[in-house]
Amino acid sequence: MERIESDCVNCGLPCIAAACPYYAVRHFYCDECGDEAPLYEYEGQQLCSYCLCKNLKKVEGSGDE
């Protein structure tokens, strides 16, 4: 999921709100675990690589695990 959040760094200067590059920053979070990570589209969800692998079915006999 995508969320817009403030990443204010408390720089000590007067706040310039929307003109500040830290005021509204895009963040991406996995729909399943909530971690902030690169995401992949899978069956209508945005998942991190770990959760994506958890949702895939292993082919029997294809390897040790």
PDB file of N, CA and C in Angstrom:
ATOM      1  N   MET A   1       0.846  -1.166   0.000  1.00  0.00           N
ATOM      2  CA  MET A   1       0.000   0.000   0.000  1.00  0.00           C
ATOM      3  C   MET A   1       0.890   1.227   0.000  1.00  0.00           C
ATOM      4  N   GLU A   2       0.394   2.245  -0.581  1.00  0.00           N
ATOM      5  CA  GLU A   2       1.129   3.505  -0.643  1.00  0.00           C
ATOM      6  C   GLU A   2       0.521   4.470   0.361  1.00  0.00           C
ATOM      7  N   ARG A   3       1.384   5.141   1.113  1.00  0.00           N
ATOM      8  CA  ARG A   3       0.921   6.157   2.060  1.00  0.00           C
ATOM      9  C   ARG A   3       1.810   7.391   1.915  1.00  0.00           C
ATOM     10  N   ILE A   4       1.207   8.539   2.073  1.00  0.00           N
ATOM     11  CA  ILE A   4       1.940   9.798   2.090  1.00  0.00           C
ATOM     12  C   ILE A   4       2.111  10.183   3.552  1.00  0.00           C
ATOM     13  N   GLU A   5       3.380  10.370   3.964  1.00  0.00           N
ATOM     14  CA  GLU A   5       3.675  10.671   5.363  1.00  0.00           C
ATOM     15  C   GLU A   5       4.640  11.839   5.463  1.00  0.00           C
ATOM     16  N   SER A   6       4.654  12.473   6.608  1.00  0.00           N
ATOM     17  CA  SER A   6       5.614  13.531   6.880  1.00  0.00           C
ATOM     18  C   SER A   6       6.900  12.908   7.401  1.00  0.00           C
ATOM     19  N   ASP A   7       8.003  13.281   6.790  1.00  0.00           N
ATOM     20  CA  ASP A   7       9.322  12.843   7.251  1.00  0.00           C
ATOM     21  C   ASP A   7      10.094  14.034   7.818  1.00  0.00           C
ATOM     22  N   CYS A   8       9.403  14.864   8.577  1.00  0.00           N
ATOM     23  CA  CYS A   8       9.999  16.069   9.159  1.00  0.00           C
ATOM     24  C   CYS A   8      11.281  15.712   9.907  1.00  0.00           C
ATOM     25  N   VAL A   9      12.322  16.488   9.662  1.00  0.00           N
ATOM     26  CA  VAL A   9      13.618  16.236  10.301  1.00  0.00           C
ATOM     27  C   VAL A   9      13.922  17.260  11.392  1.00  0.00           C
ATOM     28  N   ASN A  10      12.915  18.084  11.737  1.00  0.00           N
ATOM     29  CA  ASN A  10      13.089  19.123  12.762  1.00  0.00           C
ATOM     30  C   ASN A  10      14.370  19.921  12.538  1.00  0.00           C
ATOM     31  N   CYS A  11      14.459  20.513  11.365  1.00  0.00           N
ATOM     32  CA  CYS A  11      15.672  21.224  10.959  1.00  0.00           C
ATOM     33  C   CYS A  11      15.916  22.510  11.735  1.00  0.00           C
ATOM     34  N   GLY A  12      14.913  22.996  12.464  1.00  0.00           N
ATOM     35  CA  GLY A  12      15.096  24.204  13.253  1.00  0.00           C
ATOM     36  C   GLY A  12      14.718  25.468  12.510  1.00  0.00           C
ATOM     37  N   LEU A  13      14.449  25.357  11.229  1.00  0.00           N
ATOM     38  CA  LEU A  13      14.027  26.514  10.445  1.00  0.00           C
ATOM     39  C   LEU A  13      12.515  26.665  10.553  1.00  0.00           C
ATOM     40  N   PRO A  14      11.995  27.841  10.236  1.00  0.00           N
ATOM     41  CA  PRO A  14      10.533  27.988  10.225  1.00  0.00           C
ATOM     42  C   PRO A  14       9.925  27.011   9.207  1.00  0.00           C
ATOM     43  N   CYS A  15       8.837  26.388   9.572  1.00  0.00           N
ATOM     44  CA  CYS A  15       8.208  25.386   8.709  1.00  0.00           C
ATOM     45  C   CYS A  15       7.641  26.036   7.454  1.00  0.00           C
ATOM     46  N   ILE A  16       7.967  25.458   6.302  1.00  0.00           N
ATOM     47  CA  ILE A  16       7.440  25.954   5.035  1.00  0.00           C
ATOM     48  C   ILE A  16       6.396  24.983   4.463  1.00  0.00           C
ATOM     49  N   ALA A  17       5.979  24.038   5.295  1.00  0.00           N
ATOM     50  CA  ALA A  17       4.903  23.078   4.985  1.00  0.00           C
ATOM     51  C   ALA A  17       5.090  22.401   3.633  1.00  0.00           C
ATOM     52  N   ALA A  18       4.137  22.551   2.740  1.00  0.00           N
ATOM     53  CA  ALA A  18       4.131  21.809   1.480  1.00  0.00           C
ATOM     54  C   ALA A  18       5.339  22.113   0.592  1.00  0.00           C
ATOM     55  N   ALA A  19       6.034  23.200   0.814  1.00  0.00           N
ATOM     56  CA  ALA A  19       7.219  23.525   0.010  1.00  0.00           C
ATOM     57  C   ALA A  19       8.447  22.710   0.463  1.00  0.00           C
ATOM     58  N   CYS A  20       8.368  22.090   1.603  1.00  0.00           N
ATOM     59  CA  CYS A  20       9.479  21.291   2.141  1.00  0.00           C
ATOM     60  C   CYS A  20       9.488  19.908   1.485  1.00  0.00           C
ATOM     61  N   PRO A  21      10.655  19.407   1.070  1.00  0.00           N
ATOM     62  CA  PRO A  21      10.708  18.083   0.450  1.00  0.00           C
ATOM     63  C   PRO A  21      10.394  16.950   1.422  1.00  0.00           C
ATOM     64  N   TYR A  22      10.402  17.206   2.722  1.00  0.00           N
ATOM     65  CA  TYR A  22      10.105  16.184   3.722  1.00  0.00           C
ATOM     66  C   TYR A  22       8.660  16.222   4.199  1.00  0.00           C
ATOM     67  N   TYR A  23       7.867  17.158   3.706  1.00  0.00           N
ATOM     68  CA  TYR A  23       6.500  17.368   4.185  1.00  0.00           C
ATOM     69  C   TYR A  23       5.559  16.226   3.799  1.00  0.00           C
ATOM     70  N   ALA A  24       5.600  15.790   2.564  1.00  0.00           N
ATOM     71  CA  ALA A  24       4.710  14.733   2.073  1.00  0.00           C
ATOM     72  C   ALA A  24       5.522  13.765   1.223  1.00  0.00           C
ATOM     73  N   VAL A  25       5.982  12.686   1.842  1.00  0.00           N
ATOM     74  CA  VAL A  25       6.860  11.722   1.187  1.00  0.00           C
ATOM     75  C   VAL A  25       6.095  10.413   0.967  1.00  0.00           C
ATOM     76  N   ARG A  26       6.245   9.854  -0.228  1.00  0.00           N
ATOM     77  CA  ARG A  26       5.579   8.582  -0.541  1.00  0.00           C
ATOM     78  C   ARG A  26       6.344   7.430   0.104  1.00  0.00           C
ATOM     79  N   HIS A  27       5.595   6.563   0.788  1.00  0.00           N
ATOM     80  CA  HIS A  27       6.156   5.353   1.384  1.00  0.00           C
ATOM     81  C   HIS A  27       5.316   4.180   0.891  1.00  0.00           C
ATOM     82  N   PHE A  28       5.975   3.034   0.728  1.00  0.00           N
ATOM     83  CA  PHE A  28       5.292   1.838   0.258  1.00  0.00           C
ATOM     84  C   PHE A  28       5.438   0.741   1.302  1.00  0.00           C
ATOM     85  N   TYR A  29       4.302   0.137   1.687  1.00  0.00           N
ATOM     86  CA  TYR A  29       4.282  -0.897   2.718  1.00  0.00           C
ATOM     87  C   TYR A  29       3.610  -2.151   2.173  1.00  0.00           C
ATOM     88  N   CYS A  30       4.141  -3.292   2.558  1.00  0.00           N
ATOM     89  CA  CYS A  30       3.577  -4.577   2.156  1.00  0.00           C
ATOM     90  C   CYS A  30       2.160  -4.708   2.720  1.00  0.00           C
ATOM     91  N   ASP A  31       1.219  -5.142   1.879  1.00  0.00           N
ATOM     92  CA  ASP A  31      -0.167  -5.318   2.324  1.00  0.00           C
ATOM     93  C   ASP A  31      -0.306  -6.424   3.362  1.00  0.00           C
ATOM     94  N   GLU A  32       0.609  -7.376   3.376  1.00  0.00           N
ATOM     95  CA  GLU A  32       0.487  -8.513   4.286  1.00  0.00           C
ATOM     96  C   GLU A  32       1.214  -8.282   5.612  1.00  0.00           C
ATOM     97  N   CYS A  33       2.494  -7.924   5.565  1.00  0.00           N
ATOM     98  CA  CYS A  33       3.266  -7.808   6.813  1.00  0.00           C
ATOM     99  C   CYS A  33       3.466  -6.364   7.270  1.00  0.00           C
ATOM    100  N   GLY A  34       3.245  -5.403   6.383  1.00  0.00           N
ATOM    101  CA  GLY A  34       3.375  -3.999   6.759  1.00  0.00           C
ATOM    102  C   GLY A  34       4.779  -3.446   6.692  1.00  0.00           C
ATOM    103  N   ASP A  35       5.765  -4.258   6.297  1.00  0.00           N
ATOM    104  CA  ASP A  35       7.144  -3.770   6.198  1.00  0.00           C
ATOM    105  C   ASP A  35       7.283  -2.808   5.028  1.00  0.00           C
ATOM    106  N   GLU A  36       8.169  -1.831   5.188  1.00  0.00           N
ATOM    107  CA  GLU A  36       8.474  -0.915   4.101  1.00  0.00           C
ATOM    108  C   GLU A  36       9.574  -1.557   3.267  1.00  0.00           C
ATOM    109  N   ALA A  37       9.265  -1.871   2.031  1.00  0.00           N
ATOM    110  CA  ALA A  37      10.198  -2.607   1.179  1.00  0.00           C
ATOM    111  C   ALA A  37       9.770  -2.445  -0.274  1.00  0.00           C
ATOM    112  N   PRO A  38      10.647  -2.823  -1.212  1.00  0.00           N
ATOM    113  CA  PRO A  38      10.194  -2.873  -2.612  1.00  0.00           C
ATOM    114  C   PRO A  38       9.032  -3.858  -2.720  1.00  0.00           C
ATOM    115  N   LEU A  39       8.015  -3.497  -3.488  1.00  0.00           N
ATOM    116  CA  LEU A  39       6.798  -4.301  -3.558  1.00  0.00           C
ATOM    117  C   LEU A  39       6.581  -4.869  -4.953  1.00  0.00           C
ATOM    118  N   TYR A  40       5.802  -5.940  -4.987  1.00  0.00           N
ATOM    119  CA  TYR A  40       5.446  -6.617  -6.223  1.00  0.00           C
ATOM    120  C   TYR A  40       3.937  -6.816  -6.237  1.00  0.00           C
ATOM    121  N   GLU A  41       3.305  -6.629  -7.404  1.00  0.00           N
ATOM    122  CA  GLU A  41       1.869  -6.864  -7.554  1.00  0.00           C
ATOM    123  C   GLU A  41       1.619  -8.357  -7.666  1.00  0.00           C
ATOM    124  N   TYR A  42       0.685  -8.881  -6.866  1.00  0.00           N
ATOM    125  CA  TYR A  42       0.325 -10.294  -6.931  1.00  0.00           C
ATOM    126  C   TYR A  42      -1.115 -10.448  -6.492  1.00  0.00           C
ATOM    127  N   GLU A  43      -1.960 -10.900  -7.397  1.00  0.00           N
ATOM    128  CA  GLU A  43      -3.376 -11.130  -7.134  1.00  0.00           C
ATOM    129  C   GLU A  43      -4.044  -9.935  -6.449  1.00  0.00           C
ATOM    130  N   GLY A  44      -3.786  -8.758  -6.973  1.00  0.00           N
ATOM    131  CA  GLY A  44      -4.420  -7.545  -6.462  1.00  0.00           C
ATOM    132  C   GLY A  44      -3.810  -6.982  -5.201  1.00  0.00           C
ATOM    133  N   GLN A  45      -2.726  -7.580  -4.713  1.00  0.00           N
ATOM    134  CA  GLN A  45      -2.053  -7.081  -3.518  1.00  0.00           C
ATOM    135  C   GLN A  45      -0.664  -6.578  -3.886  1.00  0.00           C
ATOM    136  N   GLN A  46      -0.132  -5.732  -3.027  1.00  0.00           N
ATOM    137  CA  GLN A  46       1.244  -5.268  -3.159  1.00  0.00           C
ATOM    138  C   GLN A  46       2.039  -5.918  -2.037  1.00  0.00           C
ATOM    139  N   LEU A  47       2.948  -6.838  -2.397  1.00  0.00           N
ATOM    140  CA  LEU A  47       3.662  -7.648  -1.415  1.00  0.00           C
ATOM    141  C   LEU A  47       5.165  -7.485  -1.528  1.00  0.00           C
ATOM    142  N   CYS A  48       5.852  -7.601  -0.377  1.00  0.00           N
ATOM    143  CA  CYS A  48       7.315  -7.632  -0.376  1.00  0.00           C
ATOM    144  C   CYS A  48       7.763  -9.003  -0.890  1.00  0.00           C
ATOM    145  N   SER A  49       9.038  -9.166  -1.170  1.00  0.00           N
ATOM    146  CA  SER A  49       9.521 -10.426  -1.740  1.00  0.00           C
ATOM    147  C   SER A  49       9.296 -11.599  -0.787  1.00  0.00           C
ATOM    148  N   TYR A  50       9.426 -11.388   0.522  1.00  0.00           N
ATOM    149  CA  TYR A  50       9.219 -12.465   1.485  1.00  0.00           C
ATOM    150  C   TYR A  50       7.767 -12.945   1.458  1.00  0.00           C
ATOM    151  N   CYS A  51       6.820 -12.016   1.526  1.00  0.00           N
ATOM    152  CA  CYS A  51       5.405 -12.392   1.524  1.00  0.00           C
ATOM    153  C   CYS A  51       4.980 -12.943   0.168  1.00  0.00           C
ATOM    154  N   LEU A  52       5.573 -12.450  -0.889  1.00  0.00           N
ATOM    155  CA  LEU A  52       5.274 -12.986  -2.215  1.00  0.00           C
ATOM    156  C   LEU A  52       5.659 -14.451  -2.280  1.00  0.00           C
ATOM    157  N   CYS A  53       6.834 -14.796  -1.802  1.00  0.00           N
ATOM    158  CA  CYS A  53       7.286 -16.191  -1.811  1.00  0.00           C
ATOM    159  C   CYS A  53       6.410 -17.064  -0.916  1.00  0.00           C
ATOM    160  N   LYS A  54       5.937 -16.523   0.207  1.00  0.00           N
ATOM    161  CA  LYS A  54       5.059 -17.285   1.094  1.00  0.00           C
ATOM    162  C   LYS A  54       3.748 -17.648   0.408  1.00  0.00           C
ATOM    163  N   ASN A  55       3.294 -16.815  -0.522  1.00  0.00           N
ATOM    164  CA  ASN A  55       2.021 -17.028  -1.204  1.00  0.00           C
ATOM    165  C   ASN A  55       2.126 -17.917  -2.435  1.00  0.00           C
ATOM    166  N   LEU A  56       3.322 -18.266  -2.839  1.00  0.00           N
ATOM    167  CA  LEU A  56       3.502 -19.116  -4.012  1.00  0.00           C
ATOM    168  C   LEU A  56       3.556 -20.574  -3.594  1.00  0.00           C
ATOM    169  N   LYS A  57       3.014 -21.425  -4.435  1.00  0.00           N
ATOM    170  CA  LYS A  57       3.013 -22.859  -4.155  1.00  0.00           C
ATOM    171  C   LYS A  57       4.292 -23.480  -4.714  1.00  0.00           C
ATOM    172  N   LYS A  58       4.988 -24.250  -3.878  1.00  0.00           N
ATOM    173  CA  LYS A  58       6.227 -24.921  -4.276  1.00  0.00           C
ATOM    174  C   LYS A  58       5.906 -26.106  -5.171  1.00  0.00           C
ATOM    175  N   VAL A  59       6.719 -26.292  -6.208  1.00  0.00           N
ATOM    176  CA  VAL A  59       6.555 -27.446  -7.092  1.00  0.00           C
ATOM    177  C   VAL A  59       7.201 -28.639  -6.408  1.00  0.00           C
ATOM    178  N   GLU A  60       6.419 -29.660  -6.157  1.00  0.00           N
ATOM    179  CA  GLU A  60       6.912 -30.849  -5.473  1.00  0.00           C
ATOM    180  C   GLU A  60       8.065 -31.482  -6.245  1.00  0.00           C
ATOM    181  N   GLY A  61       9.115 -31.850  -5.514  1.00  0.00           N
ATOM    182  CA  GLY A  61      10.253 -32.521  -6.097  1.00  0.00           C
ATOM    183  C   GLY A  61      11.229 -31.611  -6.826  1.00  0.00           C
ATOM    184  N   SER A  62      11.036 -30.294  -6.711  1.00  0.00           N
ATOM    185  CA  SER A  62      11.895 -29.369  -7.458  1.00  0.00           C
ATOM    186  C   SER A  62      13.133 -28.933  -6.681  1.00  0.00           C
ATOM    187  N   GLY A  63      13.261 -29.338  -5.439  1.00  0.00           N
ATOM    188  CA  GLY A  63      14.441 -28.919  -4.676  1.00  0.00           C
ATOM    189  C   GLY A  63      14.261 -29.170  -3.199  1.00  0.00           C
ATOM    190  N   ASP A  64      15.325 -28.978  -2.464  1.00  0.00           N
ATOM    191  CA  ASP A  64      15.312 -29.179  -1.015  1.00  0.00           C
ATOM    192  C   ASP A  64      14.775 -27.941  -0.338  1.00  0.00           C
ATOM    193  N   GLU A  65      13.825 -28.094   0.552  1.00  0.00           N
ATOM    194  CA  GLU A  65      13.303 -27.008   1.392  1.00  0.00           C
ATOM    195  C   GLU A  65      12.148 -27.478   2.175  1.00  0.00           C
TER     196      GLU A  65
END
